[in-house]
Amino acid sequence: MEKEFKEIIEESRKSLKKAEEKIEEMSEDFSEEAGELWSELKKRLSNVEEKLKDAYTNFEEKAELKGHLAMMEARDKLEMIKESTEKFAQKANTKAQQELDTVSLKAHLAKMESEDLWNEKRETLSHMYAESKVEVEKMAKKAGKEINDIFLKLTQIM
């Protein structure tokens, strides 16, 4: 199971890197506002990358609970900015500046919501883990696959 989690994490990290590279290539043509939005989104995606690294490291160190929680935290952080990130990628392709402004606001709001949501979920997840390690492992595995799917979808948009 641990090996499978580590493989899922690596796939997700590769997909994230690929999506960032595609958007970065297009960023030369962005307006100033779109460039600022891209900088903000890169920071958010960097947070997701850090959580994926934490999850991988925790599995390496046999700290399974921390690994599962880090994986789910990465998924939650990504889920909150997923829609904004996808819209940004679509708008970047069409260079629709006015709509990028709206996406920028939504991304910022999603970031704030994701932080609040994670703080609420952390205790629940820890309690669930204590009750059912198997259930948490399934959730962490699902979260990892969803992270990878989101990044694969994002790279297909571009």
Foldseek 3Di string as FASTA:
>chain_A
DLVLLLVLLVLLLVLLVLLLVVVVVLLVPADPLLVVLNVVVVVLSVQLNVLSVQLNVCSVVVVNLSNLLSLVLSLLSCVLLLVLLLVSLLCSVVVPVVVNVVSSVSNVVSNVVSVVVSVVCVVVLVVVCVVPVPVSVVVSSVSSNVSSVSSVVSSVSD
